[in-house]
Amino acid sequence: MSWKTKWGKNATCPISLTRLRPGCNKDGITYVVKIKCGHRFYRKALYKWYDTSPYCPVCRACIKF
């Protein structure tokens, strides 16, 4: 199953409002992270968000890493 089929071809990060694309950096860390409530975000955007609020920006569930 391709990521477009799994996530939808227009899946976007609710924080950065950019289209989500899978991939890893040179250390093997993925760019996209899925939190416990099921929402997906770009890792850097979520960490910046977490500095100001410990809740999911979509559903307000507590973010747990």
N, C-alpha and C. Protein backbone atom coordinates (compact mmCIF):
# COMPACT_ATOMS: atom_id res chain seq x y z
N MET A 1 0.84 -1.17 0.00
CA MET A 1 0.00 0.00 0.00
C MET A 1 0.89 1.24 0.00
N SER A 2 0.63 2.16 -0.89
CA SER A 2 1.43 3.38 -0.96
C SER A 2 0.99 4.37 0.11
N TRP A 3 1.84 5.32 0.41
CA TRP A 3 1.49 6.31 1.42
C TRP A 3 0.34 7.18 0.98
N LYS A 4 0.18 7.41 -0.34
CA LYS A 4 -0.95 8.20 -0.84
C LYS A 4 -2.27 7.49 -0.57
N THR A 5 -2.27 6.16 -0.71
CA THR A 5 -3.47 5.39 -0.43
C THR A 5 -3.75 5.35 1.06
N LYS A 6 -2.70 5.23 1.85
CA LYS A 6 -2.85 5.10 3.30
C LYS A 6 -3.25 6.43 3.95
N TRP A 7 -2.62 7.54 3.58
CA TRP A 7 -2.86 8.83 4.21
C TRP A 7 -3.80 9.72 3.41
N GLY A 8 -3.93 9.46 2.13
CA GLY A 8 -4.66 10.35 1.23
C GLY A 8 -3.67 11.23 0.50
N LYS A 9 -3.90 11.46 -0.77
CA LYS A 9 -2.90 12.18 -1.55
C LYS A 9 -2.75 13.64 -1.16
N ASN A 10 -3.72 14.19 -0.45
CA ASN A 10 -3.65 15.59 -0.04
C ASN A 10 -3.53 15.75 1.47
N ALA A 11 -2.95 14.76 2.17
CA ALA A 11 -2.78 14.85 3.62
C ALA A 11 -1.85 16.01 3.95
N THR A 12 -2.28 16.86 4.87
CA THR A 12 -1.49 18.03 5.22
C THR A 12 -1.21 18.07 6.72
N CYS A 13 -0.14 18.74 7.07
CA CYS A 13 0.21 18.97 8.47
C CYS A 13 -0.67 20.12 8.96
N PRO A 14 -1.49 19.90 9.98
CA PRO A 14 -2.37 20.96 10.47
C PRO A 14 -1.64 22.17 11.05
N ILE A 15 -0.38 22.02 11.40
CA ILE A 15 0.38 23.13 11.97
C ILE A 15 1.03 23.97 10.88
N SER A 16 1.78 23.32 10.00
CA SER A 16 2.50 24.06 8.96
C SER A 16 1.67 24.26 7.70
N LEU A 17 0.56 23.55 7.60
CA LEU A 17 -0.34 23.61 6.44
C LEU A 17 0.35 23.25 5.14
N THR A 18 1.32 22.35 5.21
CA THR A 18 2.00 21.84 4.03
C THR A 18 1.69 20.36 3.87
N ARG A 19 1.79 19.88 2.65
CA ARG A 19 1.46 18.49 2.37
C ARG A 19 2.46 17.55 3.02
N LEU A 20 1.95 16.53 3.67
CA LEU A 20 2.81 15.54 4.33
C LEU A 20 3.43 14.61 3.30
N ARG A 21 4.72 14.42 3.43
CA ARG A 21 5.43 13.47 2.58
C ARG A 21 6.32 12.63 3.47
N PRO A 22 6.27 11.31 3.32
CA PRO A 22 7.11 10.45 4.16
C PRO A 22 8.57 10.59 3.78
N GLY A 23 9.41 10.24 4.70
CA GLY A 23 10.84 10.26 4.44
C GLY A 23 11.61 10.30 5.74
N CYS A 24 12.92 10.17 5.63
CA CYS A 24 13.79 10.17 6.80
C CYS A 24 14.98 11.09 6.54
N ASN A 25 15.54 11.62 7.62
CA ASN A 25 16.76 12.40 7.46
C ASN A 25 17.96 11.46 7.43
N LYS A 26 19.16 12.01 7.39
CA LYS A 26 20.35 11.17 7.26
C LYS A 26 20.58 10.26 8.47
N ASP A 27 19.97 10.58 9.62
CA ASP A 27 20.11 9.75 10.81
C ASP A 27 19.01 8.70 10.92
N GLY A 28 18.11 8.66 9.94
CA GLY A 28 17.04 7.67 9.94
C GLY A 28 15.80 8.08 10.74
N ILE A 29 15.74 9.34 11.15
CA ILE A 29 14.58 9.84 11.89
C ILE A 29 13.53 10.33 10.90
N THR A 30 12.30 9.85 11.05
CA THR A 30 11.25 10.21 10.10
C THR A 30 10.85 11.68 10.25
N TYR A 31 10.43 12.27 9.13
CA TYR A 31 9.98 13.66 9.14
C TYR A 31 8.58 13.77 9.73
N VAL A 32 7.74 12.76 9.50
CA VAL A 32 6.35 12.78 9.95
C VAL A 32 6.20 11.92 11.19
N VAL A 33 5.48 12.44 12.18
CA VAL A 33 5.24 11.71 13.41
C VAL A 33 3.73 11.60 13.62
N LYS A 34 3.31 10.44 14.11
CA LYS A 34 1.90 10.21 14.43
C LYS A 34 1.80 10.13 15.95
N ILE A 35 0.93 10.95 16.53
CA ILE A 35 0.78 10.94 17.98
C ILE A 35 -0.37 10.01 18.38
N LYS A 36 -0.56 9.80 19.68
CA LYS A 36 -1.50 8.80 20.19
C LYS A 36 -2.93 8.98 19.71
N CYS A 37 -3.37 10.21 19.48
CA CYS A 37 -4.74 10.46 19.04
C CYS A 37 -4.93 10.11 17.56
N GLY A 38 -3.82 9.85 16.85
CA GLY A 38 -3.90 9.43 15.45
C GLY A 38 -3.59 10.51 14.44
N HIS A 39 -3.39 11.74 14.87
CA HIS A 39 -3.08 12.81 13.93
C HIS A 39 -1.60 12.81 13.59
N ARG A 40 -1.29 13.22 12.36
CA ARG A 40 0.09 13.23 11.87
C ARG A 40 0.56 14.66 11.66
N PHE A 41 1.84 14.89 11.99
CA PHE A 41 2.43 16.21 11.86
C PHE A 41 3.88 16.06 11.42
N TYR A 42 4.42 17.16 10.87
CA TYR A 42 5.86 17.18 10.67
C TYR A 42 6.49 17.30 12.05
N ARG A 43 7.54 16.54 12.27
CA ARG A 43 8.19 16.46 13.59
C ARG A 43 8.60 17.85 14.10
N LYS A 44 9.27 18.64 13.28
CA LYS A 44 9.75 19.96 13.72
C LYS A 44 8.57 20.87 14.08
N ALA A 45 7.52 20.83 13.29
CA ALA A 45 6.35 21.68 13.57
C ALA A 45 5.69 21.27 14.88
N LEU A 46 5.59 19.97 15.13
CA LEU A 46 4.96 19.50 16.36
C LEU A 46 5.81 19.87 17.58
N TYR A 47 7.12 19.77 17.48
CA TYR A 47 7.97 20.13 18.61
C TYR A 47 7.86 21.62 18.93
N LYS A 48 7.77 22.46 17.90
CA LYS A 48 7.58 23.90 18.13
C LYS A 48 6.23 24.16 18.78
N TRP A 49 5.20 23.46 18.32
CA TRP A 49 3.86 23.59 18.91
C TRP A 49 3.89 23.16 20.37
N TYR A 50 4.56 22.06 20.64
CA TYR A 50 4.61 21.50 22.00
C TYR A 50 5.28 22.46 22.99
N ASP A 51 6.17 23.31 22.51
CA ASP A 51 6.80 24.31 23.38
C ASP A 51 5.78 25.29 23.96
N THR A 52 4.68 25.51 23.23
CA THR A 52 3.67 26.46 23.69
C THR A 52 2.43 25.80 24.25
N SER A 53 2.15 24.55 23.83
CA SER A 53 0.94 23.87 24.29
C SER A 53 1.14 22.35 24.28
N PRO A 54 0.77 21.66 25.36
CA PRO A 54 0.95 20.20 25.40
C PRO A 54 -0.25 19.44 24.82
N TYR A 55 -1.09 20.11 24.04
CA TYR A 55 -2.29 19.49 23.49
C TYR A 55 -2.26 19.44 21.97
N CYS A 56 -2.88 18.42 21.41
CA CYS A 56 -2.98 18.26 19.96
C CYS A 56 -3.71 19.48 19.39
N PRO A 57 -3.17 20.10 18.34
CA PRO A 57 -3.83 21.27 17.76
C PRO A 57 -5.14 20.94 17.04
N VAL A 58 -5.40 19.68 16.78
CA VAL A 58 -6.62 19.29 16.08
C VAL A 58 -7.73 18.92 17.05
N CYS A 59 -7.45 18.00 17.98
CA CYS A 59 -8.50 17.49 18.86
C CYS A 59 -8.32 17.85 20.33
N ARG A 60 -7.22 18.51 20.66
CA ARG A 60 -6.91 18.93 22.03
C ARG A 60 -6.63 17.79 23.00
N ALA A 61 -6.30 16.61 22.49
CA ALA A 61 -5.88 15.50 23.35
C ALA A 61 -4.46 15.80 23.84
N CYS A 62 -4.11 15.31 24.99
CA CYS A 62 -2.78 15.52 25.56
C CYS A 62 -1.75 14.82 24.68
N ILE A 63 -0.70 15.53 24.30
CA ILE A 63 0.35 14.97 23.46
C ILE A 63 1.30 14.17 24.36
N LYS A 64 1.49 12.90 24.03
CA LYS A 64 2.42 12.04 24.76
C LYS A 64 3.39 11.45 23.75
N PHE A 65 4.67 11.60 24.02
CA PHE A 65 5.69 11.05 23.10
C PHE A 65 6.16 9.73 23.62
